[in-house]
Amino acid sequence: MNRFGSRFRIALWGESHGPQIGLVLDGVPAGLPLSEEDFAADLLRRRAGAPGTTPRREADVPQLAAGVCRGRTTGAPLTIVFANENTRPQDYADLPDRPSHADRAARERFGGFNDPRGGGHFSGRLTLALVAAGVVAKKMLPEGVTFATRIAEIGGCTDPARFGEVLRAAEAAGDSAGGLVECCAEGVPMGWGEPFFDSVESLVAHLLFAVPGVKGVEFGSGFAAARMRGSEHNDPILDAEGRTATNHAGGIVGGLTNGNPLVVRAAFKPTASIAREQRTFDRTTGSVGPLAIRGRHDICIALRGAVAVEAAVAIALADLMRR
């Protein structure tokens, strides 16, 4: 199902080249100040136009369709709608199943009635609704909770000064590049979360893996911990507030926040839609043949995916807070 959350629930709907994208949020407290202008900054971070992003431009103006009155949330389910205006469904006419896309699996799952245009409901276009939900979630969190999100790596390069070079090389080759995004949430109170199944890691990772293109998630030192000893990985406590000398745990112990910065990284695969010719099976001919994918696509989805990572973390924290 396209729903997430216990006390702060989110449902997404829409398709990449359908008429609208939208979301419904339940559990938003009454009286929260909210206007269209509140979404501008984060939606700008997701918007196309920078080098390495898709040529598809959308206005992405949020319409607060329900749950807001006189500039304040009402406590009723909050509904936000975005129009899809710059669509080109013809780019996806008669395409075979694209490598590393959901085309074939979705057709089997839904008996051929899935929307294949631009990936339909499986498209990264749906992160627009996720980012909007993140805006509301961040407004719900206690004052003092802040987020710092950065692109830590593109195509194996960790030097931000060379990111443009990596993107240009991938584009010139008709190819794409993967990326690594790091999100740090500071000021999160100690003790949020549940042991085991609803741990902070479980809920944050659940949402992050819902972001199209995310293939790996790690907290704190992450997979590097497997190469460390306990004497290296342990975080010595420095004071009565629980501040630690290091943060290998990423701000989470026993599934609970420990008052230190929550640090999580999400690995994005290279964009699957590439201009470079590939050879793949074509079910219309029953044989393997050449494929050149039309359409407008990001060279590196991590560029616009960074704000979606931040939104996912904020949504999980808002749900934990409401518990």
C-alpha atoms as a PDB file:
ATOM      1  CA  MET A   1       0.000   0.000   0.000  1.00  0.00           C
ATOM      2  CA  ASN A   2       1.092   3.567  -0.575  1.00  0.00           C
ATOM      3  CA  ARG A   3       0.761   4.576   3.078  1.00  0.00           C
ATOM      4  CA  PHE A   4       3.214   4.987   5.926  1.00  0.00           C
ATOM      5  CA  GLY A   5       3.046   5.932   9.576  1.00  0.00           C
ATOM      6  CA  SER A   6       1.363   5.232  12.880  1.00  0.00           C
ATOM      7  CA  ARG A   7       0.376   8.595  14.414  1.00  0.00           C
ATOM      8  CA  PHE A   8       1.562  10.741  11.504  1.00  0.00           C
ATOM      9  CA  ARG A   9       0.326   8.995   8.377  1.00  0.00           C
ATOM     10  CA  ILE A  10       1.201   9.768   4.785  1.00  0.00           C
ATOM     11  CA  ALA A  11      -0.448   8.497   1.584  1.00  0.00           C
ATOM     12  CA  LEU A  12       0.906   9.354  -1.873  1.00  0.00           C
ATOM     13  CA  TRP A  13      -0.910   9.190  -5.191  1.00  0.00           C
ATOM     14  CA  GLY A  14      -0.459  10.072  -8.852  1.00  0.00           C
ATOM     15  CA  GLU A  15       1.741   9.101 -11.816  1.00  0.00           C
ATOM     16  CA  SER A  16       4.665  10.699 -13.624  1.00  0.00           C
ATOM     17  CA  HIS A  17       2.655  11.722 -16.699  1.00  0.00           C
ATOM     18  CA  GLY A  18      -0.840  11.708 -15.208  1.00  0.00           C
ATOM     19  CA  PRO A  19      -2.756  14.928 -14.503  1.00  0.00           C
ATOM     20  CA  GLN A  20      -1.763  15.299 -10.840  1.00  0.00           C
ATOM     21  CA  ILE A  21       0.531  14.239  -8.008  1.00  0.00           C
ATOM     22  CA  GLY A  22      -0.746  14.484  -4.458  1.00  0.00           C
ATOM     23  CA  LEU A  23      -0.639  13.394  -0.864  1.00  0.00           C
ATOM     24  CA  VAL A  24      -2.842  13.124   2.195  1.00  0.00           C
ATOM     25  CA  LEU A  25      -1.390  13.611   5.688  1.00  0.00           C
ATOM     26  CA  ASP A  26      -3.288  12.447   8.761  1.00  0.00           C
ATOM     27  CA  GLY A  27      -2.148  13.284  12.257  1.00  0.00           C
ATOM     28  CA  VAL A  28      -1.122  16.877  11.582  1.00  0.00           C
ATOM     29  CA  PRO A  29      -1.953  18.832  14.754  1.00  0.00           C
ATOM     30  CA  ALA A  30      -4.522  21.620  14.557  1.00  0.00           C
ATOM     31  CA  GLY A  31      -3.321  25.207  14.588  1.00  0.00           C
ATOM     32  CA  LEU A  32      -0.028  24.714  12.728  1.00  0.00           C
ATOM     33  CA  PRO A  33       0.711  27.777  10.540  1.00  0.00           C
ATOM     34  CA  LEU A  34       0.892  26.599   6.928  1.00  0.00           C
ATOM     35  CA  SER A  35       0.841  28.339   3.559  1.00  0.00           C
ATOM     36  CA  GLU A  36       2.017  27.624   0.018  1.00  0.00           C
ATOM     37  CA  GLU A  37       5.089  29.789   0.673  1.00  0.00           C
ATOM     38  CA  ASP A  38       6.278  27.336   3.362  1.00  0.00           C
ATOM     39  CA  PHE A  39       6.999  24.766   0.636  1.00  0.00           C
ATOM     40  CA  ALA A  40       9.018  27.042  -1.644  1.00  0.00           C
ATOM     41  CA  ALA A  41      12.535  26.446  -0.278  1.00  0.00           C
ATOM     42  CA  ASP A  42      12.464  22.638  -0.278  1.00  0.00           C
ATOM     43  CA  LEU A  43      10.604  22.402  -3.589  1.00  0.00           C
ATOM     44  CA  LEU A  44      13.276  24.644  -5.106  1.00  0.00           C
ATOM     45  CA  ARG A  45      15.944  22.204  -3.896  1.00  0.00           C
ATOM     46  CA  ARG A  46      14.148  19.430  -5.791  1.00  0.00           C
ATOM     47  CA  ARG A  47      13.427  21.459  -8.944  1.00  0.00           C
ATOM     48  CA  ALA A  48      15.165  20.645 -12.220  1.00  0.00           C
ATOM     49  CA  GLY A  49      17.433  23.078 -14.030  1.00  0.00           C
ATOM     50  CA  ALA A  50      20.879  22.584 -12.519  1.00  0.00           C
ATOM     51  CA  PRO A  51      23.548  20.696 -14.528  1.00  0.00           C
ATOM     52  CA  GLY A  52      22.962  16.957 -14.349  1.00  0.00           C
ATOM     53  CA  THR A  53      19.209  17.234 -13.798  1.00  0.00           C
ATOM     54  CA  THR A  54      16.309  16.523 -16.151  1.00  0.00           C
ATOM     55  CA  PRO A  55      15.230  19.115 -18.762  1.00  0.00           C
ATOM     56  CA  ARG A  56      11.626  18.537 -17.640  1.00  0.00           C
ATOM     57  CA  ARG A  57      10.491  21.687 -15.842  1.00  0.00           C
ATOM     58  CA  GLU A  58       7.356  21.789 -13.710  1.00  0.00           C
ATOM     59  CA  ALA A  59       5.989  24.745 -11.737  1.00  0.00           C
ATOM     60  CA  ASP A  60       5.244  22.436  -8.768  1.00  0.00           C
ATOM     61  CA  VAL A  61       2.899  24.892  -7.083  1.00  0.00           C
ATOM     62  CA  PRO A  62       1.239  23.251  -4.071  1.00  0.00           C
ATOM     63  CA  GLN A  63      -2.525  23.521  -3.761  1.00  0.00           C
ATOM     64  CA  LEU A  64      -3.662  23.122  -0.155  1.00  0.00           C
ATOM     65  CA  ALA A  65      -6.926  21.406  -1.017  1.00  0.00           C
ATOM     66  CA  ALA A  66      -8.104  20.394   2.451  1.00  0.00           C
ATOM     67  CA  GLY A  67      -7.086  20.556   6.088  1.00  0.00           C
ATOM     68  CA  VAL A  68      -6.146  24.264   6.146  1.00  0.00           C
ATOM     69  CA  CYS A  69      -8.359  27.217   7.017  1.00  0.00           C
ATOM     70  CA  ARG A  70      -7.284  30.841   7.479  1.00  0.00           C
ATOM     71  CA  GLY A  71      -3.626  29.855   7.268  1.00  0.00           C
ATOM     72  CA  ARG A  72      -3.762  27.209  10.008  1.00  0.00           C
ATOM     73  CA  THR A  73      -4.133  23.433   9.907  1.00  0.00           C
ATOM     74  CA  THR A  74      -7.534  22.270  11.099  1.00  0.00           C
ATOM     75  CA  GLY A  75      -6.649  18.835  12.487  1.00  0.00           C
ATOM     76  CA  ALA A  76      -8.488  17.175   9.602  1.00  0.00           C
ATOM     77  CA  PRO A  77      -6.517  15.206   6.993  1.00  0.00           C
ATOM     78  CA  LEU A  78      -4.288  17.615   5.063  1.00  0.00           C
ATOM     79  CA  THR A  79      -4.484  17.200   1.281  1.00  0.00           C
ATOM     80  CA  ILE A  80      -1.913  18.777  -1.062  1.00  0.00           C
ATOM     81  CA  VAL A  81      -2.158  18.599  -4.858  1.00  0.00           C
ATOM     82  CA  PHE A  82       0.372  19.387  -7.613  1.00  0.00           C
ATOM     83  CA  ALA A  83      -0.479  19.618 -11.318  1.00  0.00           C
ATOM     84  CA  ASN A  84       1.605  17.794 -13.925  1.00  0.00           C
ATOM     85  CA  GLU A  85       1.824  20.317 -16.753  1.00  0.00           C
ATOM     86  CA  ASN A  86       4.964  19.482 -18.752  1.00  0.00           C
ATOM     87  CA  THR A  87       4.183  15.891 -19.732  1.00  0.00           C
ATOM     88  CA  ARG A  88       5.311  13.995 -22.842  1.00  0.00           C
ATOM     89  CA  PRO A  89       3.720  10.537 -22.615  1.00  0.00           C
ATOM     90  CA  GLN A  90       4.568   9.917 -26.291  1.00  0.00           C
ATOM     91  CA  ASP A  91       8.200   9.439 -25.275  1.00  0.00           C
ATOM     92  CA  TYR A  92       7.189   6.113 -23.741  1.00  0.00           C
ATOM     93  CA  ALA A  93       5.035   4.750 -26.558  1.00  0.00           C
ATOM     94  CA  ASP A  94       5.947   1.220 -27.693  1.00  0.00           C
ATOM     95  CA  LEU A  95       9.044   0.972 -25.485  1.00  0.00           C
ATOM     96  CA  PRO A  96      10.133  -2.536 -24.479  1.00  0.00           C
ATOM     97  CA  ASP A  97      10.660  -3.285 -20.812  1.00  0.00           C
ATOM     98  CA  ARG A  98      13.516  -0.992 -19.811  1.00  0.00           C
ATOM     99  CA  PRO A  99      16.518  -2.475 -17.978  1.00  0.00           C
ATOM    100  CA  SER A 100      16.544  -1.807 -14.209  1.00  0.00           C
ATOM    101  CA  HIS A 101      13.049  -0.277 -14.329  1.00  0.00           C
ATOM    102  CA  ALA A 102       9.819  -1.544 -12.767  1.00  0.00           C
ATOM    103  CA  ASP A 103       8.134  -1.938 -16.182  1.00  0.00           C
ATOM    104  CA  ARG A 104       8.047  -5.731 -16.328  1.00  0.00           C
ATOM    105  CA  ALA A 105       7.435  -6.344 -12.626  1.00  0.00           C
ATOM    106  CA  ALA A 106       4.625  -3.748 -12.540  1.00  0.00           C
ATOM    107  CA  ARG A 107       2.951  -5.244 -15.610  1.00  0.00           C
ATOM    108  CA  GLU A 108       2.966  -8.670 -13.990  1.00  0.00           C
ATOM    109  CA  ARG A 109       1.849  -7.333 -10.600  1.00  0.00           C
ATOM    110  CA  PHE A 110      -1.095  -5.352 -12.004  1.00  0.00           C
ATOM    111  CA  GLY A 111      -2.086  -7.537 -14.913  1.00  0.00           C
ATOM    112  CA  GLY A 112      -0.962  -5.074 -17.587  1.00  0.00           C
ATOM    113  CA  PHE A 113      -3.087  -2.215 -16.276  1.00  0.00           C
ATOM    114  CA  ASN A 114      -0.172  -0.251 -14.794  1.00  0.00           C
ATOM    115  CA  ASP A 115       0.645   3.196 -16.194  1.00  0.00           C
ATOM    116  CA  PRO A 116       3.929   2.772 -18.145  1.00  0.00           C
ATOM    117  CA  ARG A 117       4.443   6.458 -18.977  1.00  0.00           C
ATOM    118  CA  GLY A 118       7.664   7.581 -17.339  1.00  0.00           C
ATOM    119  CA  GLY A 119       7.394   4.776 -14.822  1.00  0.00           C
ATOM    120  CA  GLY A 120       3.901   5.815 -13.734  1.00  0.00           C
ATOM    121  CA  HIS A 121       3.487   5.492  -9.970  1.00  0.00           C
ATOM    122  CA  PHE A 122       7.024   4.078  -9.669  1.00  0.00           C
ATOM    123  CA  SER A 123       8.596   7.297 -10.940  1.00  0.00           C
ATOM    124  CA  GLY A 124      10.883   9.637  -9.038  1.00  0.00           C
ATOM    125  CA  ARG A 125       8.250  12.265  -9.824  1.00  0.00           C
ATOM    126  CA  LEU A 126       6.452  10.956  -6.708  1.00  0.00           C
ATOM    127  CA  THR A 127       9.245  12.351  -4.540  1.00  0.00           C
ATOM    128  CA  LEU A 128       7.545  15.717  -5.073  1.00  0.00           C
ATOM    129  CA  ALA A 129       4.804  14.578  -2.689  1.00  0.00           C
ATOM    130  CA  LEU A 130       7.354  13.135  -0.284  1.00  0.00           C
ATOM    131  CA  VAL A 131       9.239  16.446  -0.132  1.00  0.00           C
ATOM    132  CA  ALA A 132       5.968  18.277   0.551  1.00  0.00           C
ATOM    133  CA  ALA A 133       5.221  15.870   3.402  1.00  0.00           C
ATOM    134  CA  GLY A 134       8.695  16.558   4.750  1.00  0.00           C
ATOM    135  CA  VAL A 135       7.973  20.282   4.872  1.00  0.00           C
ATOM    136  CA  VAL A 136       4.950  19.658   7.097  1.00  0.00           C
ATOM    137  CA  ALA A 137       6.863  17.145   9.213  1.00  0.00           C
ATOM    138  CA  LYS A 138       9.667  19.633   9.884  1.00  0.00           C
ATOM    139  CA  LYS A 139       7.131  22.238  11.015  1.00  0.00           C
ATOM    140  CA  MET A 140       5.746  19.694  13.496  1.00  0.00           C
ATOM    141  CA  LEU A 141       9.107  18.894  15.086  1.00  0.00           C
ATOM    142  CA  PRO A 142      10.251  20.714  18.234  1.00  0.00           C
ATOM    143  CA  GLU A 143      12.062  24.006  17.870  1.00  0.00           C
ATOM    144  CA  GLY A 144      15.788  23.361  17.720  1.00  0.00           C
ATOM    145  CA  VAL A 145      15.654  20.291  15.470  1.00  0.00           C
ATOM    146  CA  THR A 146      17.675  21.205  12.380  1.00  0.00           C
ATOM    147  CA  PHE A 147      18.778  19.360   9.260  1.00  0.00           C
ATOM    148  CA  ALA A 148      21.995  19.505   7.263  1.00  0.00           C
ATOM    149  CA  THR A 149      21.986  17.433   4.083  1.00  0.00           C
ATOM    150  CA  ARG A 150      24.768  17.148   1.534  1.00  0.00           C
ATOM    151  CA  ILE A 151      25.800  15.142  -1.494  1.00  0.00           C
ATOM    152  CA  ALA A 152      28.850  13.252  -0.269  1.00  0.00           C
ATOM    153  CA  GLU A 153      29.742  11.426  -3.468  1.00  0.00           C
ATOM    154  CA  ILE A 154      28.891  11.324  -7.186  1.00  0.00           C
ATOM    155  CA  GLY A 155      30.090   8.495  -9.380  1.00  0.00           C
ATOM    156  CA  GLY A 156      32.773   7.499  -6.897  1.00  0.00           C
ATOM    157  CA  CYS A 157      34.113  11.060  -6.606  1.00  0.00           C
ATOM    158  CA  THR A 158      34.101  12.624  -3.123  1.00  0.00           C
ATOM    159  CA  ASP A 159      35.464  16.031  -4.167  1.00  0.00           C
ATOM    160  CA  PRO A 160      32.545  18.474  -4.660  1.00  0.00           C
ATOM    161  CA  ALA A 161      34.765  20.625  -6.873  1.00  0.00           C
ATOM    162  CA  ARG A 162      34.886  17.753  -9.391  1.00  0.00           C
ATOM    163  CA  PHE A 163      31.212  16.796  -9.338  1.00  0.00           C
ATOM    164  CA  GLY A 164      30.513  18.879 -12.440  1.00  0.00           C
ATOM    165  CA  GLU A 165      33.312  17.126 -14.303  1.00  0.00           C
ATOM    166  CA  VAL A 166      31.903  13.704 -13.409  1.00  0.00           C
ATOM    167  CA  LEU A 167      28.403  14.712 -14.524  1.00  0.00           C
ATOM    168  CA  ARG A 168      29.618  16.143 -17.832  1.00  0.00           C
ATOM    169  CA  ALA A 169      31.584  12.990 -18.604  1.00  0.00           C
ATOM    170  CA  ALA A 170      28.564  10.772 -17.890  1.00  0.00           C
ATOM    171  CA  GLU A 171      26.293  12.943 -20.034  1.00  0.00           C
ATOM    172  CA  ALA A 172      28.772  12.992 -22.925  1.00  0.00           C
ATOM    173  CA  ALA A 173      28.801   9.189 -22.845  1.00  0.00           C
ATOM    174  CA  GLY A 174      24.979   9.038 -22.855  1.00  0.00           C
ATOM    175  CA  ASP A 175      25.256   7.504 -19.413  1.00  0.00           C
ATOM    176  CA  SER A 176      24.412   8.305 -15.768  1.00  0.00           C
ATOM    177  CA  ALA A 177      26.068   8.337 -12.343  1.00  0.00           C
ATOM    178  CA  GLY A 178      25.174   7.174  -8.853  1.00  0.00           C
ATOM    179  CA  GLY A 179      25.519   9.239  -5.703  1.00  0.00           C
ATOM    180  CA  LEU A 180      25.668   9.199  -1.924  1.00  0.00           C
ATOM    181  CA  VAL A 181      23.598  11.591   0.223  1.00  0.00           C
ATOM    182  CA  GLU A 182      24.245  12.260   3.917  1.00  0.00           C
ATOM    183  CA  CYS A 183      21.593  13.742   6.200  1.00  0.00           C
ATOM    184  CA  CYS A 184      22.320  14.954   9.731  1.00  0.00           C
ATOM    185  CA  ALA A 185      19.468  15.872  12.106  1.00  0.00           C
ATOM    186  CA  GLU A 186      20.590  17.782  15.193  1.00  0.00           C
ATOM    187  CA  GLY A 187      18.586  18.651  18.290  1.00  0.00           C
ATOM    188  CA  VAL A 188      16.498  15.467  18.258  1.00  0.00           C
ATOM    189  CA  PRO A 189      15.489  14.716  21.891  1.00  0.00           C
ATOM    190  CA  MET A 190      16.805  11.623  23.618  1.00  0.00           C
ATOM    191  CA  GLY A 191      14.586   8.548  23.886  1.00  0.00           C
ATOM    192  CA  TRP A 192      12.511   8.692  20.694  1.00  0.00           C
ATOM    193  CA  GLY A 193      11.875   5.347  19.023  1.00  0.00           C
ATOM    194  CA  GLU A 194      11.021   1.804  20.022  1.00  0.00           C
ATOM    195  CA  PRO A 195      13.190  -1.282  20.473  1.00  0.00           C
ATOM    196  CA  PHE A 196      13.287  -3.859  17.694  1.00  0.00           C
ATOM    197  CA  PHE A 197      10.584  -3.496  15.036  1.00  0.00           C
ATOM    198  CA  ASP A 198       9.888   0.227  15.301  1.00  0.00           C
ATOM    199  CA  SER A 199      13.432   1.343  16.012  1.00  0.00           C
ATOM    200  CA  VAL A 200      14.518   4.719  14.660  1.00  0.00           C
ATOM    201  CA  GLU A 201      16.716   2.923  12.112  1.00  0.00           C
ATOM    202  CA  SER A 202      13.801   0.706  11.048  1.00  0.00           C
ATOM    203  CA  LEU A 203      11.412   3.579  10.392  1.00  0.00           C
ATOM    204  CA  VAL A 204      13.934   5.910   8.734  1.00  0.00           C
ATOM    205  CA  ALA A 205      15.259   3.107   6.528  1.00  0.00           C
ATOM    206  CA  HIS A 206      11.690   2.071   5.636  1.00  0.00           C
ATOM    207  CA  LEU A 207      11.020   5.530   4.244  1.00  0.00           C
ATOM    208  CA  LEU A 208      14.409   5.931   2.594  1.00  0.00           C
ATOM    209  CA  PHE A 209      14.010   2.678   0.690  1.00  0.00           C
ATOM    210  CA  ALA A 210      10.692   4.027  -0.595  1.00  0.00           C
ATOM    211  CA  VAL A 211      12.599   6.805  -2.401  1.00  0.00           C
ATOM    212  CA  PRO A 212      13.055   5.602  -5.998  1.00  0.00           C
ATOM    213  CA  GLY A 213      16.696   4.804  -6.719  1.00  0.00           C
ATOM    214  CA  VAL A 214      17.866   4.300  -3.130  1.00  0.00           C
ATOM    215  CA  LYS A 215      19.741   0.979  -2.898  1.00  0.00           C
ATOM    216  CA  GLY A 216      21.577   1.274   0.404  1.00  0.00           C
ATOM    217  CA  VAL A 217      21.152   2.940   3.817  1.00  0.00           C
ATOM    218  CA  GLU A 218      23.605   3.216   6.706  1.00  0.00           C
ATOM    219  CA  PHE A 219      23.665   4.998  10.070  1.00  0.00           C
ATOM    220  CA  GLY A 220      26.726   6.467  11.760  1.00  0.00           C
ATOM    221  CA  SER A 221      29.808   4.501  10.746  1.00  0.00           C
ATOM    222  CA  GLY A 222      27.513   2.083   8.907  1.00  0.00           C
ATOM    223  CA  PHE A 223      29.200  -0.746   7.031  1.00  0.00           C
ATOM    224  CA  ALA A 224      32.615   0.531   8.104  1.00  0.00           C
ATOM    225  CA  ALA A 225      31.731  -0.771  11.589  1.00  0.00           C
ATOM    226  CA  ALA A 226      32.215  -4.308  10.284  1.00  0.00           C
ATOM    227  CA  ARG A 227      35.930  -3.521   9.875  1.00  0.00           C
ATOM    228  CA  MET A 228      36.339  -1.924  13.326  1.00  0.00           C
ATOM    229  CA  ARG A 229      36.946  -3.174  16.844  1.00  0.00           C
ATOM    230  CA  GLY A 230      34.776  -2.283  19.801  1.00  0.00           C
ATOM    231  CA  SER A 231      37.490  -0.022  21.175  1.00  0.00           C
ATOM    232  CA  GLU A 232      37.318   1.974  17.937  1.00  0.00           C
ATOM    233  CA  HIS A 233      33.546   1.940  17.449  1.00  0.00           C
ATOM    234  CA  ASN A 234      32.342   2.690  20.976  1.00  0.00           C
ATOM    235  CA  ASP A 235      31.226   6.287  21.623  1.00  0.00           C
ATOM    236  CA  PRO A 236      32.535   7.407  25.066  1.00  0.00           C
ATOM    237  CA  ILE A 237      30.023   9.560  26.976  1.00  0.00           C
ATOM    238  CA  LEU A 238      31.399  12.977  27.909  1.00  0.00           C
ATOM    239  CA  ASP A 239      28.772  14.541  30.170  1.00  0.00           C
ATOM    240  CA  ALA A 240      25.464  14.170  31.980  1.00  0.00           C
ATOM    241  CA  GLU A 241      23.541  15.182  28.848  1.00  0.00           C
ATOM    242  CA  GLY A 242      24.859  12.113  27.017  1.00  0.00           C
ATOM    243  CA  ARG A 243      27.108  13.960  24.559  1.00  0.00           C
ATOM    244  CA  THR A 244      29.634  11.525  23.109  1.00  0.00           C
ATOM    245  CA  ALA A 245      33.230  11.955  21.972  1.00  0.00           C
ATOM    246  CA  THR A 246      32.492  10.195  18.663  1.00  0.00           C
ATOM    247  CA  ASN A 247      29.256   9.346  16.881  1.00  0.00           C
ATOM    248  CA  HIS A 248      29.781   5.951  15.291  1.00  0.00           C
ATOM    249  CA  ALA A 249      26.247   5.016  16.403  1.00  0.00           C
ATOM    250  CA  GLY A 250      24.797   7.833  14.321  1.00  0.00           C
ATOM    251  CA  GLY A 251      22.791   9.147  17.263  1.00  0.00           C
ATOM    252  CA  ILE A 252      20.851   5.914  17.795  1.00  0.00           C
ATOM    253  CA  VAL A 253      21.376   3.159  20.398  1.00  0.00           C
ATOM    254  CA  GLY A 254      18.993   0.307  21.115  1.00  0.00           C
ATOM    255  CA  GLY A 255      16.652   1.701  18.483  1.00  0.00           C
ATOM    256  CA  LEU A 256      16.301   4.971  20.435  1.00  0.00           C
ATOM    257  CA  THR A 257      17.725   8.430  19.789  1.00  0.00           C
ATOM    258  CA  ASN A 258      20.527   9.216  22.243  1.00  0.00           C
ATOM    259  CA  GLY A 259      20.599  13.020  21.972  1.00  0.00           C
ATOM    260  CA  ASN A 260      23.562  13.158  19.593  1.00  0.00           C
ATOM    261  CA  PRO A 261      23.188  14.100  15.915  1.00  0.00           C
ATOM    262  CA  LEU A 262      21.253  11.520  13.908  1.00  0.00           C
ATOM    263  CA  VAL A 263      23.443  10.735  10.893  1.00  0.00           C
ATOM    264  CA  VAL A 264      22.217   8.625   7.975  1.00  0.00           C
ATOM    265  CA  ARG A 265      23.486   8.077   4.447  1.00  0.00           C
ATOM    266  CA  ALA A 266      21.524   6.869   1.417  1.00  0.00           C
ATOM    267  CA  ALA A 267      23.135   5.422  -1.702  1.00  0.00           C
ATOM    268  CA  PHE A 268      21.403   6.191  -5.016  1.00  0.00           C
ATOM    269  CA  LYS A 269      21.937   3.924  -8.002  1.00  0.00           C
ATOM    270  CA  PRO A 270      22.825   5.487 -11.377  1.00  0.00           C
ATOM    271  CA  THR A 271      19.725   6.680 -13.226  1.00  0.00           C
ATOM    272  CA  ALA A 272      18.373   3.648 -15.093  1.00  0.00           C
ATOM    273  CA  SER A 273      17.088   5.672 -18.077  1.00  0.00           C
ATOM    274  CA  ILE A 274      20.136   6.384 -20.227  1.00  0.00           C
ATOM    275  CA  ALA A 275      20.537   7.600 -23.820  1.00  0.00           C
ATOM    276  CA  ARG A 276      23.338   5.135 -24.521  1.00  0.00           C
ATOM    277  CA  GLU A 277      22.204   2.185 -26.633  1.00  0.00           C
ATOM    278  CA  GLN A 278      21.665  -1.045 -24.692  1.00  0.00           C
ATOM    279  CA  ARG A 279      20.752  -4.549 -25.772  1.00  0.00           C
ATOM    280  CA  THR A 280      17.775  -6.003 -23.955  1.00  0.00           C
ATOM    281  CA  PHE A 281      14.849  -8.344 -24.440  1.00  0.00           C
ATOM    282  CA  ASP A 282      11.889  -6.960 -26.413  1.00  0.00           C
ATOM    283  CA  ARG A 283       8.695  -8.867 -25.646  1.00  0.00           C
ATOM    284  CA  THR A 284       7.033  -7.570 -28.860  1.00  0.00           C
ATOM    285  CA  THR A 285       9.657  -9.310 -31.019  1.00  0.00           C
ATOM    286  CA  GLY A 286      10.553 -12.099 -28.618  1.00  0.00           C
ATOM    287  CA  SER A 287      14.255 -11.450 -29.019  1.00  0.00           C
ATOM    288  CA  VAL A 288      17.120  -9.366 -27.675  1.00  0.00           C
ATOM    289  CA  GLY A 289      17.651  -6.134 -29.591  1.00  0.00           C
ATOM    290  CA  PRO A 290      18.937  -2.564 -29.291  1.00  0.00           C
ATOM    291  CA  LEU A 291      17.223  -0.006 -27.048  1.00  0.00           C
ATOM    292  CA  ALA A 292      17.782   3.756 -26.865  1.00  0.00           C
ATOM    293  CA  ILE A 293      15.564   5.333 -24.218  1.00  0.00           C
ATOM    294  CA  ARG A 294      13.778   8.544 -25.116  1.00  0.00           C
ATOM    295  CA  GLY A 295      12.531  11.054 -22.578  1.00  0.00           C
ATOM    296  CA  ARG A 296      14.014  13.554 -20.150  1.00  0.00           C
ATOM    297  CA  HIS A 297      15.991  12.176 -17.239  1.00  0.00           C
ATOM    298  CA  ASP A 298      18.460  13.194 -14.553  1.00  0.00           C
ATOM    299  CA  ILE A 299      22.097  12.273 -15.101  1.00  0.00           C
ATOM    300  CA  CYS A 300      22.363  11.744 -11.331  1.00  0.00           C
ATOM    301  CA  ILE A 301      19.166  11.356  -9.307  1.00  0.00           C
ATOM    302  CA  ALA A 302      21.027  12.031  -6.050  1.00  0.00           C
ATOM    303  CA  LEU A 303      21.183  15.716  -7.038  1.00  0.00           C
ATOM    304  CA  ARG A 304      17.453  16.221  -6.572  1.00  0.00           C
ATOM    305  CA  GLY A 305      17.074  13.193  -4.305  1.00  0.00           C
ATOM    306  CA  ALA A 306      18.973  14.827  -1.445  1.00  0.00           C
ATOM    307  CA  VAL A 307      15.972  16.837  -0.285  1.00  0.00           C
ATOM    308  CA  ALA A 308      13.819  13.679  -0.513  1.00  0.00           C
ATOM    309  CA  VAL A 309      16.250  11.949   1.851  1.00  0.00           C
ATOM    310  CA  GLU A 310      15.882  14.829   4.302  1.00  0.00           C
ATOM    311  CA  ALA A 311      12.100  14.682   3.976  1.00  0.00           C
ATOM    312  CA  ALA A 312      12.069  10.947   4.709  1.00  0.00           C
ATOM    313  CA  VAL A 313      14.077  11.453   7.900  1.00  0.00           C
ATOM    314  CA  ALA A 314      11.772  14.290   9.003  1.00  0.00           C
ATOM    315  CA  ILE A 315       8.619  12.245   8.354  1.00  0.00           C
ATOM    316  CA  ALA A 316       9.920   9.319  10.409  1.00  0.00           C
ATOM    317  CA  LEU A 317      10.877  11.653  13.268  1.00  0.00           C
ATOM    318  CA  ALA A 318       7.467  13.350  13.210  1.00  0.00           C
ATOM    319  CA  ASP A 319       5.768   9.976  13.472  1.00  0.00           C
ATOM    320  CA  LEU A 320       8.014   8.961  16.369  1.00  0.00           C
ATOM    321  CA  MET A 321       7.351  12.266  18.122  1.00  0.00           C
ATOM    322  CA  ARG A 322       3.577  11.844  17.831  1.00  0.00           C
ATOM    323  CA  ARG A 323       3.827   8.427  19.496  1.00  0.00           C
END
